[in-house]
Amino acid sequence: MATDKRQFTLRLQEENFQKIKVIAEKSKRSIAMQIEFLVEQYIAEYENEHGVIEIPEGDE
């Protein structure tokens, strides 16, 4: 299955990983999708407070 999502390595403290794992299971998401959901939530909150984040062209 092809995806346009960028891959990268994420290092977490073991306790944080385990807590996200529990939240993901309760939310019926994979750990990766739970982390993506949390990032999206944070970005929305940030933009709500500070305005839309402009991404310069060519920053991929």
C-alpha atoms as a PDB file:
ATOM      1  CA  MET A   1       0.000   0.000   0.000  1.00  0.00           C
ATOM      2  CA  ALA A   2       1.608   3.270  -1.160  1.00  0.00           C
ATOM      3  CA  THR A   3       1.556   6.337   1.040  1.00  0.00           C
ATOM      4  CA  ASP A   4       2.609   9.948   0.719  1.00  0.00           C
ATOM      5  CA  LYS A   5       3.512  10.183   4.405  1.00  0.00           C
ATOM      6  CA  ARG A   6       7.074  11.067   5.324  1.00  0.00           C
ATOM      7  CA  GLN A   7       8.907   8.504   7.442  1.00  0.00           C
ATOM      8  CA  PHE A   8      11.273   9.426  10.240  1.00  0.00           C
ATOM      9  CA  THR A   9      12.638   7.939  13.427  1.00  0.00           C
ATOM     10  CA  LEU A  10      11.057   9.028  16.695  1.00  0.00           C
ATOM     11  CA  ARG A  11      12.674   8.235  20.014  1.00  0.00           C
ATOM     12  CA  LEU A  12      10.448   8.306  23.097  1.00  0.00           C
ATOM     13  CA  GLN A  13      10.981   7.658  26.751  1.00  0.00           C
ATOM     14  CA  GLU A  14       9.670   4.152  27.525  1.00  0.00           C
ATOM     15  CA  GLU A  15       6.998   5.488  29.879  1.00  0.00           C
ATOM     16  CA  ASN A  16       5.644   7.898  27.248  1.00  0.00           C
ATOM     17  CA  PHE A  17       5.625   5.140  24.621  1.00  0.00           C
ATOM     18  CA  GLN A  18       3.673   2.811  26.900  1.00  0.00           C
ATOM     19  CA  LYS A  19       1.139   5.525  27.766  1.00  0.00           C
ATOM     20  CA  ILE A  20       0.593   6.391  24.098  1.00  0.00           C
ATOM     21  CA  LYS A  21       0.189   2.685  23.388  1.00  0.00           C
ATOM     22  CA  VAL A  22      -2.592   2.453  25.999  1.00  0.00           C
ATOM     23  CA  ILE A  23      -4.327   5.561  24.615  1.00  0.00           C
ATOM     24  CA  ALA A  24      -4.036   4.202  21.057  1.00  0.00           C
ATOM     25  CA  GLU A  25      -5.565   0.872  22.050  1.00  0.00           C
ATOM     26  CA  LYS A  26      -8.466   2.615  23.803  1.00  0.00           C
ATOM     27  CA  SER A  27      -8.971   4.799  20.726  1.00  0.00           C
ATOM     28  CA  LYS A  28      -8.718   1.804  18.375  1.00  0.00           C
ATOM     29  CA  ARG A  29      -5.740   3.372  16.565  1.00  0.00           C
ATOM     30  CA  SER A  30      -2.259   2.173  15.837  1.00  0.00           C
ATOM     31  CA  ILE A  31       0.501   3.854  17.818  1.00  0.00           C
ATOM     32  CA  ALA A  32       1.646   5.708  14.684  1.00  0.00           C
ATOM     33  CA  MET A  33      -1.869   6.965  13.963  1.00  0.00           C
ATOM     34  CA  GLN A  34      -2.306   8.025  17.596  1.00  0.00           C
ATOM     35  CA  ILE A  35       0.914  10.037  17.455  1.00  0.00           C
ATOM     36  CA  GLU A  36      -0.183  11.602  14.148  1.00  0.00           C
ATOM     37  CA  PHE A  37      -3.561  12.468  15.706  1.00  0.00           C
ATOM     38  CA  LEU A  38      -1.850  14.116  18.694  1.00  0.00           C
ATOM     39  CA  VAL A  39       0.445  16.124  16.421  1.00  0.00           C
ATOM     40  CA  GLU A  40      -2.536  17.281  14.329  1.00  0.00           C
ATOM     41  CA  GLN A  41      -4.391  18.302  17.505  1.00  0.00           C
ATOM     42  CA  TYR A  42      -1.405  20.298  18.753  1.00  0.00           C
ATOM     43  CA  ILE A  43      -0.925  22.042  15.394  1.00  0.00           C
ATOM     44  CA  ALA A  44      -4.613  23.013  15.314  1.00  0.00           C
ATOM     45  CA  GLU A  45      -4.406  24.418  18.856  1.00  0.00           C
ATOM     46  CA  TYR A  46      -1.193  26.300  18.039  1.00  0.00           C
ATOM     47  CA  GLU A  47      -2.643  27.786  14.843  1.00  0.00           C
ATOM     48  CA  ASN A  48      -5.833  28.737  16.661  1.00  0.00           C
ATOM     49  CA  GLU A  49      -3.763  30.743  19.141  1.00  0.00           C
ATOM     50  CA  HIS A  50      -0.999  32.073  16.842  1.00  0.00           C
ATOM     51  CA  GLY A  51      -2.445  32.003  13.327  1.00  0.00           C
ATOM     52  CA  VAL A  52      -1.893  29.687  10.393  1.00  0.00           C
ATOM     53  CA  ILE A  53       1.658  28.414  10.011  1.00  0.00           C
ATOM     54  CA  GLU A  54       2.945  29.371   6.580  1.00  0.00           C
ATOM     55  CA  ILE A  55       5.190  26.722   5.007  1.00  0.00           C
ATOM     56  CA  PRO A  56       7.773  28.173   2.607  1.00  0.00           C
ATOM     57  CA  GLU A  57       7.715  26.637  -0.878  1.00  0.00           C
ATOM     58  CA  GLY A  58      10.368  24.021  -1.454  1.00  0.00           C
ATOM     59  CA  ASP A  59      10.481  22.864   2.202  1.00  0.00           C
ATOM     60  CA  GLU A  60       9.756  19.205   1.699  1.00  0.00           C
END
